[in-house]
Structures are given as C-alpha cells and as structure tokens.
Amino acid sequence: MKDRWNQLSGQAQLWQAAALERWVAGRTARARLILRRNLALKAAHDRGMQVEAMARRLGLRPQTVQRLVNNPRREARNAAGLQEVPPLPGDEQLPDAG
C-alpha cells in the first residue's frame, strides 16, 4: 500500500512541476512575443510608419501604440507581469531602454 501512495504522490508532484513549468515558461514566452511585437512597431515607426496607421492595423488606440513605440521593453515587461524581460537571441548588445 505504501508503494501505491508513493506512486500517487510522485505523480501529483510531477503534475505540479509540469504545471509550474508551463506557467513560468508561458509568462516568459509571452514577454518575449510582446517584446518582439513592440520592437517591430518601433522599427516600423523609425522607418516612417504613422502611429495612427499602425493603431488601425492592430486594432489598438493610437496612444497605446505610441507608448509601445516609446518604451518597447518596459511595456512588454508590464504586460507579462515580469520584473524584467529575458533577452532575445542576439539581443545582448542592446541596452535596456525601459
């Protein structure tokens, strides 16, 4: 009987670890995706795209797009609820502006 309880306990702990991993990795992945979107918006704006046009295309308010363009890292960090956004691959040389 003890072996059965150990097996059930082990399965429950494995389930908990898997759920936590998905939750933690999910927040990190979300932050990185949001950061990539924000950096793409900033690059488009730097190349002449108007904030109003980007807002219409994305279905966001122009004020929101302007905030994303001005501080892409800070907004990604806030949206994902993290203290800091993990760096993107090849991103180590860029300073953190937010």
N, C-alpha and C. Protein backbone atom coordinates (compact mmCIF):
# COMPACT_ATOMS: atom_id res chain seq x y z
N MET A 1 0.82 -1.19 0.00
CA MET A 1 0.00 0.00 0.00
C MET A 1 0.86 1.26 0.00
N LYS A 2 2.00 1.17 0.72
CA LYS A 2 2.89 2.32 0.79
C LYS A 2 3.46 2.65 -0.58
N ASP A 3 3.78 1.63 -1.37
CA ASP A 3 4.28 1.86 -2.72
C ASP A 3 3.24 2.57 -3.57
N ARG A 4 1.99 2.20 -3.41
CA ARG A 4 0.91 2.84 -4.17
C ARG A 4 0.79 4.32 -3.82
N TRP A 5 0.87 4.66 -2.52
CA TRP A 5 0.81 6.05 -2.10
C TRP A 5 2.03 6.83 -2.59
N ASN A 6 3.18 6.22 -2.57
CA ASN A 6 4.38 6.87 -3.10
C ASN A 6 4.24 7.16 -4.59
N GLN A 7 3.68 6.19 -5.31
CA GLN A 7 3.48 6.37 -6.75
C GLN A 7 2.49 7.51 -7.01
N LEU A 8 1.39 7.55 -6.28
CA LEU A 8 0.40 8.61 -6.46
C LEU A 8 0.99 9.98 -6.07
N SER A 9 1.74 9.98 -4.99
CA SER A 9 2.37 11.21 -4.55
C SER A 9 3.38 11.71 -5.59
N GLY A 10 4.15 10.80 -6.12
CA GLY A 10 5.12 11.16 -7.16
C GLY A 10 4.43 11.70 -8.40
N GLN A 11 3.32 11.09 -8.81
CA GLN A 11 2.59 11.58 -9.98
C GLN A 11 2.02 12.96 -9.72
N ALA A 12 1.52 13.19 -8.51
CA ALA A 12 0.97 14.50 -8.18
C ALA A 12 2.06 15.57 -8.19
N GLN A 13 3.23 15.23 -7.67
CA GLN A 13 4.33 16.18 -7.67
C GLN A 13 4.83 16.46 -9.08
N LEU A 14 4.84 15.44 -9.91
CA LEU A 14 5.23 15.64 -11.31
C LEU A 14 4.22 16.53 -12.02
N TRP A 15 2.94 16.32 -11.77
CA TRP A 15 1.90 17.16 -12.37
C TRP A 15 2.09 18.61 -11.93
N GLN A 16 2.37 18.83 -10.65
CA GLN A 16 2.59 20.17 -10.13
C GLN A 16 3.81 20.82 -10.79
N ALA A 17 4.88 20.08 -10.91
CA ALA A 17 6.09 20.61 -11.54
C ALA A 17 5.84 20.98 -13.01
N ALA A 18 5.10 20.13 -13.71
CA ALA A 18 4.79 20.40 -15.12
C ALA A 18 3.91 21.64 -15.24
N ALA A 19 2.92 21.78 -14.36
CA ALA A 19 2.05 22.95 -14.40
C ALA A 19 2.83 24.23 -14.10
N LEU A 20 3.71 24.18 -13.12
CA LEU A 20 4.54 25.35 -12.81
C LEU A 20 5.47 25.69 -13.96
N GLU A 21 6.04 24.69 -14.59
CA GLU A 21 6.93 24.94 -15.73
C GLU A 21 6.18 25.62 -16.87
N ARG A 22 4.99 25.12 -17.17
CA ARG A 22 4.19 25.75 -18.23
C ARG A 22 3.84 27.18 -17.85
N TRP A 23 3.50 27.42 -16.58
CA TRP A 23 3.12 28.75 -16.15
C TRP A 23 4.30 29.71 -16.23
N VAL A 24 5.45 29.29 -15.73
CA VAL A 24 6.63 30.16 -15.75
C VAL A 24 7.12 30.36 -17.18
N ALA A 25 7.23 29.30 -17.94
CA ALA A 25 7.68 29.41 -19.33
C ALA A 25 6.67 30.19 -20.14
N GLY A 26 5.39 30.05 -19.81
CA GLY A 26 4.36 30.78 -20.53
C GLY A 26 4.49 32.27 -20.36
N ARG A 27 4.77 32.74 -19.14
CA ARG A 27 4.94 34.16 -18.90
C ARG A 27 6.18 34.69 -19.61
N THR A 28 7.25 33.91 -19.58
CA THR A 28 8.48 34.32 -20.25
C THR A 28 8.28 34.38 -21.76
N ALA A 29 7.64 33.36 -22.30
CA ALA A 29 7.38 33.33 -23.74
C ALA A 29 6.47 34.50 -24.14
N ARG A 30 5.46 34.77 -23.33
CA ARG A 30 4.57 35.89 -23.62
C ARG A 30 5.34 37.21 -23.62
N ALA A 31 6.22 37.39 -22.65
CA ALA A 31 7.00 38.63 -22.59
C ALA A 31 7.87 38.78 -23.83
N ARG A 32 8.48 37.68 -24.27
CA ARG A 32 9.33 37.75 -25.46
C ARG A 32 8.52 38.04 -26.72
N LEU A 33 7.34 37.44 -26.84
CA LEU A 33 6.49 37.72 -28.00
C LEU A 33 6.04 39.17 -28.02
N ILE A 34 5.64 39.68 -26.86
CA ILE A 34 5.21 41.07 -26.79
C ILE A 34 6.39 42.00 -27.11
N LEU A 35 7.56 41.67 -26.60
CA LEU A 35 8.74 42.48 -26.89
C LEU A 35 9.04 42.49 -28.39
N ARG A 36 8.95 41.33 -29.03
CA ARG A 36 9.20 41.29 -30.48
C ARG A 36 8.20 42.15 -31.23
N ARG A 37 6.91 42.08 -30.82
CA ARG A 37 5.90 42.92 -31.46
C ARG A 37 6.23 44.39 -31.26
N ASN A 38 6.58 44.75 -30.03
CA ASN A 38 6.88 46.15 -29.73
C ASN A 38 8.10 46.65 -30.50
N LEU A 39 9.12 45.82 -30.60
CA LEU A 39 10.31 46.21 -31.36
C LEU A 39 10.00 46.34 -32.85
N ALA A 40 9.12 45.48 -33.36
CA ALA A 40 8.71 45.61 -34.77
C ALA A 40 7.94 46.91 -34.98
N LEU A 41 7.08 47.27 -34.04
CA LEU A 41 6.37 48.55 -34.13
C LEU A 41 7.35 49.72 -34.11
N LYS A 42 8.33 49.65 -33.23
CA LYS A 42 9.32 50.72 -33.14
C LYS A 42 10.11 50.83 -34.44
N ALA A 43 10.49 49.69 -35.01
CA ALA A 43 11.23 49.71 -36.28
C ALA A 43 10.38 50.28 -37.40
N ALA A 44 9.11 49.92 -37.44
CA ALA A 44 8.21 50.46 -38.47
C ALA A 44 8.06 51.97 -38.30
N HIS A 45 7.93 52.41 -37.07
CA HIS A 45 7.80 53.84 -36.80
C HIS A 45 9.07 54.57 -37.19
N ASP A 46 10.23 53.99 -36.88
CA ASP A 46 11.51 54.60 -37.25
C ASP A 46 11.68 54.71 -38.76
N ARG A 47 10.98 53.87 -39.49
CA ARG A 47 11.08 53.89 -40.96
C ARG A 47 9.93 54.67 -41.61
N GLY A 48 9.19 55.43 -40.80
CA GLY A 48 8.22 56.35 -41.37
C GLY A 48 6.76 55.98 -41.23
N MET A 49 6.43 54.85 -40.65
CA MET A 49 5.02 54.50 -40.48
C MET A 49 4.40 55.41 -39.43
N GLN A 50 3.19 55.86 -39.70
CA GLN A 50 2.48 56.73 -38.77
C GLN A 50 1.84 55.89 -37.66
N VAL A 51 1.81 56.43 -36.46
CA VAL A 51 1.24 55.74 -35.31
C VAL A 51 -0.23 55.42 -35.56
N GLU A 52 -0.97 56.35 -36.15
CA GLU A 52 -2.40 56.15 -36.40
C GLU A 52 -2.64 54.97 -37.35
N ALA A 53 -1.79 54.84 -38.37
CA ALA A 53 -1.94 53.73 -39.32
C ALA A 53 -1.65 52.39 -38.65
N MET A 54 -0.62 52.36 -37.79
CA MET A 54 -0.30 51.12 -37.08
C MET A 54 -1.41 50.78 -36.09
N ALA A 55 -1.97 51.78 -35.45
CA ALA A 55 -3.04 51.55 -34.48
C ALA A 55 -4.27 50.96 -35.19
N ARG A 56 -4.62 51.51 -36.35
CA ARG A 56 -5.76 50.97 -37.10
C ARG A 56 -5.50 49.52 -37.50
N ARG A 57 -4.32 49.24 -37.97
CA ARG A 57 -3.98 47.89 -38.42
C ARG A 57 -4.04 46.87 -37.28
N LEU A 58 -3.60 47.28 -36.09
CA LEU A 58 -3.55 46.37 -34.95
C LEU A 58 -4.83 46.38 -34.11
N GLY A 59 -5.68 47.36 -34.34
CA GLY A 59 -6.90 47.46 -33.54
C GLY A 59 -6.63 48.01 -32.15
N LEU A 60 -5.60 48.83 -32.02
CA LEU A 60 -5.25 49.45 -30.75
C LEU A 60 -5.47 50.95 -30.83
N ARG A 61 -5.50 51.59 -29.68
CA ARG A 61 -5.61 53.04 -29.66
C ARG A 61 -4.27 53.65 -30.04
N PRO A 62 -4.27 54.81 -30.72
CA PRO A 62 -3.00 55.45 -31.07
C PRO A 62 -2.12 55.75 -29.85
N GLN A 63 -2.74 56.10 -28.72
CA GLN A 63 -1.96 56.37 -27.52
C GLN A 63 -1.22 55.11 -27.05
N THR A 64 -1.87 53.97 -27.18
CA THR A 64 -1.24 52.71 -26.79
C THR A 64 -0.06 52.40 -27.69
N VAL A 65 -0.23 52.57 -28.99
CA VAL A 65 0.85 52.30 -29.94
C VAL A 65 2.01 53.25 -29.69
N GLN A 66 1.71 54.51 -29.42
CA GLN A 66 2.78 55.48 -29.14
C GLN A 66 3.57 55.06 -27.90
N ARG A 67 2.87 54.59 -26.87
CA ARG A 67 3.54 54.12 -25.65
C ARG A 67 4.42 52.91 -25.95
N LEU A 68 3.93 51.99 -26.79
CA LEU A 68 4.71 50.80 -27.15
C LEU A 68 5.95 51.18 -27.95
N VAL A 69 5.81 52.16 -28.83
CA VAL A 69 6.94 52.61 -29.65
C VAL A 69 7.99 53.31 -28.78
N ASN A 70 7.53 54.09 -27.82
CA ASN A 70 8.46 54.86 -26.99
C ASN A 70 9.25 53.97 -26.03
N ASN A 71 8.62 52.97 -25.43
CA ASN A 71 9.26 52.11 -24.43
C ASN A 71 8.90 50.65 -24.65
N PRO A 72 9.43 50.02 -25.69
CA PRO A 72 9.01 48.64 -26.00
C PRO A 72 9.33 47.64 -24.89
N ARG A 73 10.46 47.76 -24.25
CA ARG A 73 10.84 46.80 -23.21
C ARG A 73 10.01 46.97 -21.95
N ARG A 74 9.82 48.19 -21.52
CA ARG A 74 9.03 48.42 -20.32
C ARG A 74 7.60 47.94 -20.50
N GLU A 75 7.02 48.21 -21.67
CA GLU A 75 5.64 47.79 -21.92
C GLU A 75 5.52 46.27 -22.00
N ALA A 76 6.51 45.60 -22.57
CA ALA A 76 6.49 44.13 -22.61
C ALA A 76 6.61 43.56 -21.20
N ARG A 77 7.47 44.15 -20.41
CA ARG A 77 7.65 43.71 -19.03
C ARG A 77 6.35 43.90 -18.24
N ASN A 78 5.70 45.04 -18.39
CA ASN A 78 4.46 45.31 -17.68
C ASN A 78 3.33 44.39 -18.15
N ALA A 79 3.23 44.15 -19.45
CA ALA A 79 2.15 43.32 -19.99
C ALA A 79 2.26 41.88 -19.52
N ALA A 80 3.47 41.39 -19.37
CA ALA A 80 3.66 40.00 -18.96
C ALA A 80 3.71 39.86 -17.44
N GLY A 81 3.78 40.96 -16.72
CA GLY A 81 3.83 40.89 -15.27
C GLY A 81 5.16 40.41 -14.73
N LEU A 82 6.23 40.72 -15.44
CA LEU A 82 7.57 40.30 -15.01
C LEU A 82 8.36 41.50 -14.52
N GLN A 83 9.39 41.24 -13.75
CA GLN A 83 10.29 42.30 -13.31
C GLN A 83 11.21 42.75 -14.43
N GLU A 84 11.53 41.81 -15.31
CA GLU A 84 12.44 42.11 -16.40
C GLU A 84 12.16 41.13 -17.53
N VAL A 85 12.32 41.60 -18.76
CA VAL A 85 12.09 40.76 -19.93
C VAL A 85 13.38 40.02 -20.25
N PRO A 86 13.32 38.69 -20.40
CA PRO A 86 14.53 37.96 -20.79
C PRO A 86 15.00 38.43 -22.16
N PRO A 87 16.31 38.46 -22.38
CA PRO A 87 16.81 38.94 -23.67
C PRO A 87 16.43 38.01 -24.81
N LEU A 88 16.24 38.61 -25.96
CA LEU A 88 16.00 37.84 -27.17
C LEU A 88 17.35 37.34 -27.69
N PRO A 89 17.36 36.28 -28.49
CA PRO A 89 18.63 35.82 -29.07
C PRO A 89 19.29 36.92 -29.89
N GLY A 90 20.56 37.15 -29.65
CA GLY A 90 21.29 38.20 -30.36
C GLY A 90 21.01 39.59 -29.81
N ASP A 91 20.38 39.68 -28.67
CA ASP A 91 19.92 40.96 -28.10
C ASP A 91 20.83 41.44 -26.99
N GLU A 92 21.88 40.72 -26.69
CA GLU A 92 22.70 41.03 -25.53
C GLU A 92 23.39 42.38 -25.64
N GLN A 93 23.69 42.84 -26.88
CA GLN A 93 24.43 44.08 -27.03
C GLN A 93 23.53 45.31 -26.94
N LEU A 94 22.20 45.14 -26.95
CA LEU A 94 21.31 46.29 -26.89
C LEU A 94 21.09 46.72 -25.44
N PRO A 95 21.17 48.02 -25.18
CA PRO A 95 20.89 48.49 -23.81
C PRO A 95 19.41 48.42 -23.50
N ASP A 96 19.07 48.29 -22.25
CA ASP A 96 17.67 48.26 -21.82
C ASP A 96 17.18 49.69 -21.67
N ALA A 97 16.24 50.09 -22.52
CA ALA A 97 15.73 51.46 -22.51
C ALA A 97 14.55 51.63 -21.58
N GLY A 98 14.07 50.56 -20.99
CA GLY A 98 12.88 50.71 -20.16
C GLY A 98 13.07 50.05 -18.88
